[in-house]
Amino acid sequence: MPNIRSAKKRVRQIEKRRLRNKAIRSRTKTEIKKYLAALEEKDLTKAEELLRNAIKYIYKAKSKGVIHYRNASRKVSRLSIKLNKLKAELQANA
């Protein structure tokens, strides 16, 4: 444990940030998993809604500095590509 007052304060700040980051990262992953589950079910309307929600949480994590902006863009791009593939597959089968 630190003895210096400023170091004690840093420990408190780091712990608060760690918990906040953990919550944001966890929520983002949960939203992505919900979206991927909807894709597995081939439920297009539900998947589109969940994609918007997942993107919202990804960009929120980016704005808080939890994930890098390029990481956020890459995730959004890959999730969008999955939805487009599902749309193409359903159109081909129709």
PDB file of N, CA and C in Angstrom:
ATOM      1  N   MET A   1       0.837  -1.191   0.000  1.00  0.00           N
ATOM      2  CA  MET A   1       0.000   0.000   0.000  1.00  0.00           C
ATOM      3  C   MET A   1       0.874   1.243   0.000  1.00  0.00           C
ATOM      4  N   PRO A   2       0.436   2.269  -0.693  1.00  0.00           N
ATOM      5  CA  PRO A   2       1.225   3.506  -0.740  1.00  0.00           C
ATOM      6  C   PRO A   2       1.153   4.262   0.585  1.00  0.00           C
ATOM      7  N   ASN A   3       2.206   5.012   0.854  1.00  0.00           N
ATOM      8  CA  ASN A   3       2.253   5.824   2.059  1.00  0.00           C
ATOM      9  C   ASN A   3       1.982   7.291   1.756  1.00  0.00           C
ATOM     10  N   ILE A   4       2.287   7.711   0.551  1.00  0.00           N
ATOM     11  CA  ILE A   4       2.141   9.112   0.164  1.00  0.00           C
ATOM     12  C   ILE A   4       0.679   9.381  -0.179  1.00  0.00           C
ATOM     13  N   ARG A   5       0.198  10.556   0.253  1.00  0.00           N
ATOM     14  CA  ARG A   5      -1.206  10.900   0.082  1.00  0.00           C
ATOM     15  C   ARG A   5      -1.632  10.894  -1.382  1.00  0.00           C
ATOM     16  N   SER A   6      -0.833  11.446  -2.250  1.00  0.00           N
ATOM     17  CA  SER A   6      -1.186  11.500  -3.673  1.00  0.00           C
ATOM     18  C   SER A   6      -1.227  10.106  -4.284  1.00  0.00           C
ATOM     19  N   ALA A   7      -0.347   9.238  -3.808  1.00  0.00           N
ATOM     20  CA  ALA A   7      -0.335   7.861  -4.310  1.00  0.00           C
ATOM     21  C   ALA A   7      -1.584   7.109  -3.851  1.00  0.00           C
ATOM     22  N   LYS A   8      -2.030   7.385  -2.624  1.00  0.00           N
ATOM     23  CA  LYS A   8      -3.265   6.767  -2.119  1.00  0.00           C
ATOM     24  C   LYS A   8      -4.456   7.214  -2.971  1.00  0.00           C
ATOM     25  N   LYS A   9      -4.449   8.501  -3.314  1.00  0.00           N
ATOM     26  CA  LYS A   9      -5.529   9.037  -4.147  1.00  0.00           C
ATOM     27  C   LYS A   9      -5.515   8.367  -5.520  1.00  0.00           C
ATOM     28  N   ARG A  10      -4.343   8.183  -6.103  1.00  0.00           N
ATOM     29  CA  ARG A  10      -4.227   7.534  -7.418  1.00  0.00           C
ATOM     30  C   ARG A  10      -4.801   6.124  -7.365  1.00  0.00           C
ATOM     31  N   VAL A  11      -4.534   5.408  -6.269  1.00  0.00           N
ATOM     32  CA  VAL A  11      -5.055   4.050  -6.129  1.00  0.00           C
ATOM     33  C   VAL A  11      -6.585   4.074  -6.139  1.00  0.00           C
ATOM     34  N   ARG A  12      -7.172   5.043  -5.431  1.00  0.00           N
ATOM     35  CA  ARG A  12      -8.636   5.162  -5.398  1.00  0.00           C
ATOM     36  C   ARG A  12      -9.181   5.491  -6.788  1.00  0.00           C
ATOM     37  N   GLN A  13      -8.520   6.402  -7.486  1.00  0.00           N
ATOM     38  CA  GLN A  13      -8.972   6.795  -8.824  1.00  0.00           C
ATOM     39  C   GLN A  13      -8.874   5.627  -9.804  1.00  0.00           C
ATOM     40  N   ILE A  14      -7.772   4.915  -9.738  1.00  0.00           N
ATOM     41  CA  ILE A  14      -7.560   3.785 -10.652  1.00  0.00           C
ATOM     42  C   ILE A  14      -8.630   2.722 -10.440  1.00  0.00           C
ATOM     43  N   GLU A  15      -8.960   2.464  -9.185  1.00  0.00           N
ATOM     44  CA  GLU A  15      -9.973   1.452  -8.893  1.00  0.00           C
ATOM     45  C   GLU A  15     -11.342   1.866  -9.443  1.00  0.00           C
ATOM     46  N   LYS A  16     -11.699   3.137  -9.290  1.00  0.00           N
ATOM     47  CA  LYS A  16     -12.969   3.640  -9.825  1.00  0.00           C
ATOM     48  C   LYS A  16     -13.006   3.481 -11.341  1.00  0.00           C
ATOM     49  N   ARG A  17     -11.911   3.857 -11.987  1.00  0.00           N
ATOM     50  CA  ARG A  17     -11.847   3.762 -13.452  1.00  0.00           C
ATOM     51  C   ARG A  17     -11.892   2.320 -13.919  1.00  0.00           C
ATOM     52  N   ARG A  18     -11.212   1.443 -13.181  1.00  0.00           N
ATOM     53  CA  ARG A  18     -11.179   0.026 -13.542  1.00  0.00           C
ATOM     54  C   ARG A  18     -12.594  -0.555 -13.517  1.00  0.00           C
ATOM     55  N   LEU A  19     -13.339  -0.228 -12.472  1.00  0.00           N
ATOM     56  CA  LEU A  19     -14.701  -0.736 -12.357  1.00  0.00           C
ATOM     57  C   LEU A  19     -15.608  -0.171 -13.454  1.00  0.00           C
ATOM     58  N   ARG A  20     -15.440   1.126 -13.748  1.00  0.00           N
ATOM     59  CA  ARG A  20     -16.237   1.738 -14.811  1.00  0.00           C
ATOM     60  C   ARG A  20     -15.923   1.090 -16.148  1.00  0.00           C
ATOM     61  N   ASN A  21     -14.636   0.920 -16.441  1.00  0.00           N
ATOM     62  CA  ASN A  21     -14.224   0.321 -17.711  1.00  0.00           C
ATOM     63  C   ASN A  21     -14.726  -1.109 -17.834  1.00  0.00           C
ATOM     64  N   LYS A  22     -14.670  -1.845 -16.724  1.00  0.00           N
ATOM     65  CA  LYS A  22     -15.116  -3.235 -16.718  1.00  0.00           C
ATOM     66  C   LYS A  22     -16.610  -3.301 -17.042  1.00  0.00           C
ATOM     67  N   ALA A  23     -17.393  -2.413 -16.443  1.00  0.00           N
ATOM     68  CA  ALA A  23     -18.834  -2.395 -16.686  1.00  0.00           C
ATOM     69  C   ALA A  23     -19.139  -2.057 -18.142  1.00  0.00           C
ATOM     70  N   ILE A  24     -18.450  -1.072 -18.684  1.00  0.00           N
ATOM     71  CA  ILE A  24     -18.680  -0.664 -20.070  1.00  0.00           C
ATOM     72  C   ILE A  24     -18.280  -1.777 -21.030  1.00  0.00           C
ATOM     73  N   ARG A  25     -17.132  -2.393 -20.786  1.00  0.00           N
ATOM     74  CA  ARG A  25     -16.658  -3.478 -21.657  1.00  0.00           C
ATOM     75  C   ARG A  25     -17.613  -4.669 -21.598  1.00  0.00           C
ATOM     76  N   SER A  26     -18.086  -4.991 -20.409  1.00  0.00           N
ATOM     77  CA  SER A  26     -18.999  -6.115 -20.231  1.00  0.00           C
ATOM     78  C   SER A  26     -20.317  -5.865 -20.948  1.00  0.00           C
ATOM     79  N   ARG A  27     -20.859  -4.677 -20.809  1.00  0.00           N
ATOM     80  CA  ARG A  27     -22.132  -4.343 -21.458  1.00  0.00           C
ATOM     81  C   ARG A  27     -21.998  -4.402 -22.974  1.00  0.00           C
ATOM     82  N   THR A  28     -20.871  -3.914 -23.478  1.00  0.00           N
ATOM     83  CA  THR A  28     -20.625  -3.938 -24.923  1.00  0.00           C
ATOM     84  C   THR A  28     -20.592  -5.380 -25.432  1.00  0.00           C
ATOM     85  N   LYS A  29     -19.878  -6.235 -24.727  1.00  0.00           N
ATOM     86  CA  LYS A  29     -19.789  -7.638 -25.136  1.00  0.00           C
ATOM     87  C   LYS A  29     -21.160  -8.309 -25.087  1.00  0.00           C
ATOM     88  N   THR A  30     -21.950  -7.991 -24.069  1.00  0.00           N
ATOM     89  CA  THR A  30     -23.286  -8.569 -23.943  1.00  0.00           C
ATOM     90  C   THR A  30     -24.159  -8.181 -25.124  1.00  0.00           C
ATOM     91  N   GLU A  31     -24.115  -6.916 -25.509  1.00  0.00           N
ATOM     92  CA  GLU A  31     -24.928  -6.448 -26.633  1.00  0.00           C
ATOM     93  C   GLU A  31     -24.499  -7.124 -27.937  1.00  0.00           C
ATOM     94  N   ILE A  32     -23.198  -7.308 -28.109  1.00  0.00           N
ATOM     95  CA  ILE A  32     -22.694  -7.984 -29.313  1.00  0.00           C
ATOM     96  C   ILE A  32     -23.176  -9.435 -29.336  1.00  0.00           C
ATOM     97  N   LYS A  33     -23.136 -10.103 -28.183  1.00  0.00           N
ATOM     98  CA  LYS A  33     -23.582 -11.498 -28.110  1.00  0.00           C
ATOM     99  C   LYS A  33     -25.073 -11.628 -28.427  1.00  0.00           C
ATOM    100  N   LYS A  34     -25.874 -10.678 -27.944  1.00  0.00           N
ATOM    101  CA  LYS A  34     -27.309 -10.695 -28.248  1.00  0.00           C
ATOM    102  C   LYS A  34     -27.528 -10.576 -29.756  1.00  0.00           C
ATOM    103  N   TYR A  35     -26.779  -9.693 -30.389  1.00  0.00           N
ATOM    104  CA  TYR A  35     -26.885  -9.486 -31.830  1.00  0.00           C
ATOM    105  C   TYR A  35     -26.491 -10.754 -32.585  1.00  0.00           C
ATOM    106  N   LEU A  36     -25.388 -11.373 -32.186  1.00  0.00           N
ATOM    107  CA  LEU A  36     -24.928 -12.583 -32.865  1.00  0.00           C
ATOM    108  C   LEU A  36     -25.929 -13.727 -32.686  1.00  0.00           C
ATOM    109  N   ALA A  37     -26.588 -13.771 -31.520  1.00  0.00           N
ATOM    110  CA  ALA A  37     -27.609 -14.802 -31.296  1.00  0.00           C
ATOM    111  C   ALA A  37     -28.788 -14.596 -32.240  1.00  0.00           C
ATOM    112  N   ALA A  38     -29.168 -13.343 -32.455  1.00  0.00           N
ATOM    113  CA  ALA A  38     -30.266 -13.045 -33.392  1.00  0.00           C
ATOM    114  C   ALA A  38     -29.879 -13.436 -34.809  1.00  0.00           C
ATOM    115  N   LEU A  39     -28.610 -13.263 -35.162  1.00  0.00           N
ATOM    116  CA  LEU A  39     -28.150 -13.680 -36.492  1.00  0.00           C
ATOM    117  C   LEU A  39     -28.240 -15.194 -36.643  1.00  0.00           C
ATOM    118  N   GLU A  40     -27.896 -15.914 -35.584  1.00  0.00           N
ATOM    119  CA  GLU A  40     -27.963 -17.384 -35.621  1.00  0.00           C
ATOM    120  C   GLU A  40     -29.406 -17.851 -35.850  1.00  0.00           C
ATOM    121  N   GLU A  41     -30.355 -17.115 -35.260  1.00  0.00           N
ATOM    122  CA  GLU A  41     -31.771 -17.459 -35.417  1.00  0.00           C
ATOM    123  C   GLU A  41     -32.308 -17.024 -36.780  1.00  0.00           C
ATOM    124  N   LYS A  42     -31.517 -16.236 -37.495  1.00  0.00           N
ATOM    125  CA  LYS A  42     -31.896 -15.686 -38.808  1.00  0.00           C
ATOM    126  C   LYS A  42     -33.126 -14.782 -38.693  1.00  0.00           C
ATOM    127  N   ASP A  43     -33.215 -14.063 -37.578  1.00  0.00           N
ATOM    128  CA  ASP A  43     -34.299 -13.104 -37.346  1.00  0.00           C
ATOM    129  C   ASP A  43     -33.791 -11.726 -37.760  1.00  0.00           C
ATOM    130  N   LEU A  44     -34.163 -11.313 -38.973  1.00  0.00           N
ATOM    131  CA  LEU A  44     -33.594 -10.108 -39.582  1.00  0.00           C
ATOM    132  C   LEU A  44     -34.003  -8.822 -38.857  1.00  0.00           C
ATOM    133  N   THR A  45     -35.275  -8.685 -38.526  1.00  0.00           N
ATOM    134  CA  THR A  45     -35.727  -7.441 -37.881  1.00  0.00           C
ATOM    135  C   THR A  45     -35.108  -7.281 -36.500  1.00  0.00           C
ATOM    136  N   LYS A  46     -35.072  -8.374 -35.759  1.00  0.00           N
ATOM    137  CA  LYS A  46     -34.462  -8.338 -34.418  1.00  0.00           C
ATOM    138  C   LYS A  46     -32.968  -8.054 -34.519  1.00  0.00           C
ATOM    139  N   ALA A  47     -32.320  -8.659 -35.504  1.00  0.00           N
ATOM    140  CA  ALA A  47     -30.881  -8.468 -35.686  1.00  0.00           C
ATOM    141  C   ALA A  47     -30.557  -7.014 -36.028  1.00  0.00           C
ATOM    142  N   GLU A  48     -31.374  -6.394 -36.876  1.00  0.00           N
ATOM    143  CA  GLU A  48     -31.134  -4.993 -37.239  1.00  0.00           C
ATOM    144  C   GLU A  48     -31.247  -4.086 -36.019  1.00  0.00           C
ATOM    145  N   GLU A  49     -32.262  -4.345 -35.205  1.00  0.00           N
ATOM    146  CA  GLU A  49     -32.446  -3.548 -33.984  1.00  0.00           C
ATOM    147  C   GLU A  49     -31.270  -3.745 -33.020  1.00  0.00           C
ATOM    148  N   LEU A  50     -30.860  -4.999 -32.847  1.00  0.00           N
ATOM    149  CA  LEU A  50     -29.760  -5.292 -31.925  1.00  0.00           C
ATOM    150  C   LEU A  50     -28.419  -4.776 -32.457  1.00  0.00           C
ATOM    151  N   LEU A  51     -28.276  -4.715 -33.781  1.00  0.00           N
ATOM    152  CA  LEU A  51     -27.052  -4.150 -34.347  1.00  0.00           C
ATOM    153  C   LEU A  51     -26.941  -2.674 -33.995  1.00  0.00           C
ATOM    154  N   ARG A  52     -28.040  -1.934 -34.138  1.00  0.00           N
ATOM    155  CA  ARG A  52     -28.015  -0.512 -33.763  1.00  0.00           C
ATOM    156  C   ARG A  52     -27.633  -0.344 -32.295  1.00  0.00           C
ATOM    157  N   ASN A  53     -28.189  -1.204 -31.449  1.00  0.00           N
ATOM    158  CA  ASN A  53     -27.898  -1.144 -30.022  1.00  0.00           C
ATOM    159  C   ASN A  53     -26.426  -1.472 -29.748  1.00  0.00           C
ATOM    160  N   ALA A  54     -25.911  -2.504 -30.413  1.00  0.00           N
ATOM    161  CA  ALA A  54     -24.516  -2.899 -30.224  1.00  0.00           C
ATOM    162  C   ALA A  54     -23.574  -1.785 -30.677  1.00  0.00           C
ATOM    163  N   ILE A  55     -23.894  -1.167 -31.811  1.00  0.00           N
ATOM    164  CA  ILE A  55     -23.068  -0.069 -32.321  1.00  0.00           C
ATOM    165  C   ILE A  55     -23.060   1.087 -31.331  1.00  0.00           C
ATOM    166  N   LYS A  56     -24.218   1.369 -30.752  1.00  0.00           N
ATOM    167  CA  LYS A  56     -24.309   2.450 -29.767  1.00  0.00           C
ATOM    168  C   LYS A  56     -23.356   2.202 -28.598  1.00  0.00           C
ATOM    169  N   TYR A  57     -23.351   0.970 -28.092  1.00  0.00           N
ATOM    170  CA  TYR A  57     -22.485   0.661 -26.956  1.00  0.00           C
ATOM    171  C   TYR A  57     -21.010   0.609 -27.348  1.00  0.00           C
ATOM    172  N   ILE A  58     -20.720   0.173 -28.558  1.00  0.00           N
ATOM    173  CA  ILE A  58     -19.322   0.166 -29.024  1.00  0.00           C
ATOM    174  C   ILE A  58     -18.791   1.591 -29.094  1.00  0.00           C
ATOM    175  N   TYR A  59     -19.587   2.497 -29.680  1.00  0.00           N
ATOM    176  CA  TYR A  59     -19.136   3.886 -29.788  1.00  0.00           C
ATOM    177  C   TYR A  59     -19.086   4.575 -28.429  1.00  0.00           C
ATOM    178  N   LYS A  60     -19.958   4.165 -27.522  1.00  0.00           N
ATOM    179  CA  LYS A  60     -19.905   4.722 -26.167  1.00  0.00           C
ATOM    180  C   LYS A  60     -18.601   4.297 -25.489  1.00  0.00           C
ATOM    181  N   ALA A  61     -18.213   3.031 -25.665  1.00  0.00           N
ATOM    182  CA  ALA A  61     -16.949   2.542 -25.098  1.00  0.00           C
ATOM    183  C   ALA A  61     -15.763   3.290 -25.716  1.00  0.00           C
ATOM    184  N   LYS A  62     -15.878   3.572 -27.011  1.00  0.00           N
ATOM    185  CA  LYS A  62     -14.827   4.330 -27.689  1.00  0.00           C
ATOM    186  C   LYS A  62     -14.725   5.734 -27.115  1.00  0.00           C
ATOM    187  N   SER A  63     -15.855   6.385 -26.925  1.00  0.00           N
ATOM    188  CA  SER A  63     -15.824   7.766 -26.437  1.00  0.00           C
ATOM    189  C   SER A  63     -15.307   7.863 -25.010  1.00  0.00           C
ATOM    190  N   LYS A  64     -15.501   6.797 -24.223  1.00  0.00           N
ATOM    191  CA  LYS A  64     -14.996   6.781 -22.844  1.00  0.00           C
ATOM    192  C   LYS A  64     -13.524   6.388 -22.773  1.00  0.00           C
ATOM    193  N   GLY A  65     -12.972   5.965 -23.913  1.00  0.00           N
ATOM    194  CA  GLY A  65     -11.565   5.580 -23.931  1.00  0.00           C
ATOM    195  C   GLY A  65     -11.323   4.152 -23.492  1.00  0.00           C
ATOM    196  N   VAL A  66     -12.388   3.351 -23.431  1.00  0.00           N
ATOM    197  CA  VAL A  66     -12.251   1.958 -23.003  1.00  0.00           C
ATOM    198  C   VAL A  66     -11.656   1.124 -24.130  1.00  0.00           C
ATOM    199  N   ILE A  67     -12.074   1.416 -25.371  1.00  0.00           N
ATOM    200  CA  ILE A  67     -11.474   0.742 -26.526  1.00  0.00           C
ATOM    201  C   ILE A  67     -10.972   1.800 -27.500  1.00  0.00           C
ATOM    202  N   HIS A  68     -10.020   1.414 -28.318  1.00  0.00           N
ATOM    203  CA  HIS A  68      -9.413   2.307 -29.293  1.00  0.00           C
ATOM    204  C   HIS A  68     -10.399   2.581 -30.424  1.00  0.00           C
ATOM    205  N   TYR A  69     -10.300   3.748 -31.030  1.00  0.00           N
ATOM    206  CA  TYR A  69     -11.268   4.121 -32.076  1.00  0.00           C
ATOM    207  C   TYR A  69     -11.193   3.197 -33.281  1.00  0.00           C
ATOM    208  N   ARG A  70     -10.012   2.702 -33.600  1.00  0.00           N
ATOM    209  CA  ARG A  70      -9.908   1.771 -34.736  1.00  0.00           C
ATOM    210  C   ARG A  70     -10.514   0.418 -34.385  1.00  0.00           C
ATOM    211  N   ASN A  71     -10.351   0.010 -33.133  1.00  0.00           N
ATOM    212  CA  ASN A  71     -10.963  -1.240 -32.670  1.00  0.00           C
ATOM    213  C   ASN A  71     -12.481  -1.123 -32.785  1.00  0.00           C
ATOM    214  N   ALA A  72     -13.035   0.019 -32.386  1.00  0.00           N
ATOM    215  CA  ALA A  72     -14.480   0.239 -32.467  1.00  0.00           C
ATOM    216  C   ALA A  72     -14.941   0.178 -33.921  1.00  0.00           C
ATOM    217  N   SER A  73     -14.234   0.844 -34.806  1.00  0.00           N
ATOM    218  CA  SER A  73     -14.603   0.854 -36.225  1.00  0.00           C
ATOM    219  C   SER A  73     -14.542  -0.549 -36.810  1.00  0.00           C
ATOM    220  N   ARG A  74     -13.533  -1.294 -36.437  1.00  0.00           N
ATOM    221  CA  ARG A  74     -13.380  -2.661 -36.940  1.00  0.00           C
ATOM    222  C   ARG A  74     -14.533  -3.546 -36.465  1.00  0.00           C
ATOM    223  N   LYS A  75     -14.905  -3.420 -35.203  1.00  0.00           N
ATOM    224  CA  LYS A  75     -16.011  -4.217 -34.673  1.00  0.00           C
ATOM    225  C   LYS A  75     -17.318  -3.887 -35.395  1.00  0.00           C
ATOM    226  N   VAL A  76     -17.593  -2.606 -35.557  1.00  0.00           N
ATOM    227  CA  VAL A  76     -18.824  -2.175 -36.225  1.00  0.00           C
ATOM    228  C   VAL A  76     -18.850  -2.699 -37.661  1.00  0.00           C
ATOM    229  N   SER A  77     -17.722  -2.595 -38.337  1.00  0.00           N
ATOM    230  CA  SER A  77     -17.639  -3.053 -39.717  1.00  0.00           C
ATOM    231  C   SER A  77     -17.913  -4.546 -39.821  1.00  0.00           C
ATOM    232  N   ARG A  78     -17.294  -5.324 -38.963  1.00  0.00           N
ATOM    233  CA  ARG A  78     -17.461  -6.779 -39.018  1.00  0.00           C
ATOM    234  C   ARG A  78     -18.882  -7.200 -38.671  1.00  0.00           C
ATOM    235  N   LEU A  79     -19.484  -6.513 -37.703  1.00  0.00           N
ATOM    236  CA  LEU A  79     -20.864  -6.843 -37.344  1.00  0.00           C
ATOM    237  C   LEU A  79     -21.811  -6.489 -38.491  1.00  0.00           C
ATOM    238  N   SER A  80     -21.568  -5.370 -39.154  1.00  0.00           N
ATOM    239  CA  SER A  80     -22.405  -4.953 -40.284  1.00  0.00           C
ATOM    240  C   SER A  80     -22.280  -5.930 -41.449  1.00  0.00           C
ATOM    241  N   ILE A  81     -21.073  -6.391 -41.686  1.00  0.00           N
ATOM    242  CA  ILE A  81     -20.844  -7.358 -42.766  1.00  0.00           C
ATOM    243  C   ILE A  81     -21.645  -8.632 -42.517  1.00  0.00           C
ATOM    244  N   LYS A  82     -21.691  -9.082 -41.255  1.00  0.00           N
ATOM    245  CA  LYS A  82     -22.457 -10.290 -40.926  1.00  0.00           C
ATOM    246  C   LYS A  82     -23.943 -10.105 -41.233  1.00  0.00           C
ATOM    247  N   LEU A  83     -24.470  -8.923 -40.928  1.00  0.00           N
ATOM    248  CA  LEU A  83     -25.879  -8.652 -41.211  1.00  0.00           C
ATOM    249  C   LEU A  83     -26.120  -8.638 -42.719  1.00  0.00           C
ATOM    250  N   ASN A  84     -25.219  -8.014 -43.466  1.00  0.00           N
ATOM    251  CA  ASN A  84     -25.372  -7.954 -44.918  1.00  0.00           C
ATOM    252  C   ASN A  84     -25.315  -9.342 -45.545  1.00  0.00           C
ATOM    253  N   LYS A  85     -24.468 -10.217 -44.998  1.00  0.00           N
ATOM    254  CA  LYS A  85     -24.402 -11.593 -45.510  1.00  0.00           C
ATOM    255  C   LYS A  85     -25.716 -12.323 -45.265  1.00  0.00           C
ATOM    256  N   LEU A  86     -26.291 -12.098 -44.072  1.00  0.00           N
ATOM    257  CA  LEU A  86     -27.574 -12.726 -43.761  1.00  0.00           C
ATOM    258  C   LEU A  86     -28.660 -12.224 -44.704  1.00  0.00           C
ATOM    259  N   LYS A  87     -28.679 -10.928 -44.973  1.00  0.00           N
ATOM    260  CA  LYS A  87     -29.668 -10.351 -45.889  1.00  0.00           C
ATOM    261  C   LYS A  87     -29.531 -10.981 -47.281  1.00  0.00           C
ATOM    262  N   ALA A  88     -28.303 -11.098 -47.756  1.00  0.00           N
ATOM    263  CA  ALA A  88     -28.052 -11.677 -49.074  1.00  0.00           C
ATOM    264  C   ALA A  88     -28.489 -13.143 -49.108  1.00  0.00           C
ATOM    265  N   GLU A  89     -28.204 -13.852 -48.031  1.00  0.00           N
ATOM    266  CA  GLU A  89     -28.578 -15.272 -47.959  1.00  0.00           C
ATOM    267  C   GLU A  89     -30.097 -15.432 -47.980  1.00  0.00           C
ATOM    268  N   LEU A  90     -30.791 -14.603 -47.204  1.00  0.00           N
ATOM    269  CA  LEU A  90     -32.249 -14.692 -47.164  1.00  0.00           C
ATOM    270  C   LEU A  90     -32.874 -14.282 -48.500  1.00  0.00           C
ATOM    271  N   GLN A  91     -32.267 -13.302 -49.166  1.00  0.00           N
ATOM    272  CA  GLN A  91     -32.766 -12.872 -50.473  1.00  0.00           C
ATOM    273  C   GLN A  91     -32.567 -13.963 -51.524  1.00  0.00           C
ATOM    274  N   ALA A  92     -31.436 -14.651 -51.441  1.00  0.00           N
ATOM    275  CA  ALA A  92     -31.150 -15.702 -52.410  1.00  0.00           C
ATOM    276  C   ALA A  92     -32.117 -16.878 -52.243  1.00  0.00           C
ATOM    277  N   ASN A  93     -32.501 -17.145 -50.992  1.00  0.00           N
ATOM    278  CA  ASN A  93     -33.409 -18.253 -50.715  1.00  0.00           C
ATOM    279  C   ASN A  93     -34.866 -17.908 -51.017  1.00  0.00           C
ATOM    280  N   ALA A  94     -35.182 -16.628 -51.080  1.00  0.00           N
ATOM    281  CA  ALA A  94     -36.575 -16.212 -51.287  1.00  0.00           C
ATOM    282  C   ALA A  94     -37.019 -16.322 -52.728  1.00  0.00           C
TER     283      ALA A  94
END
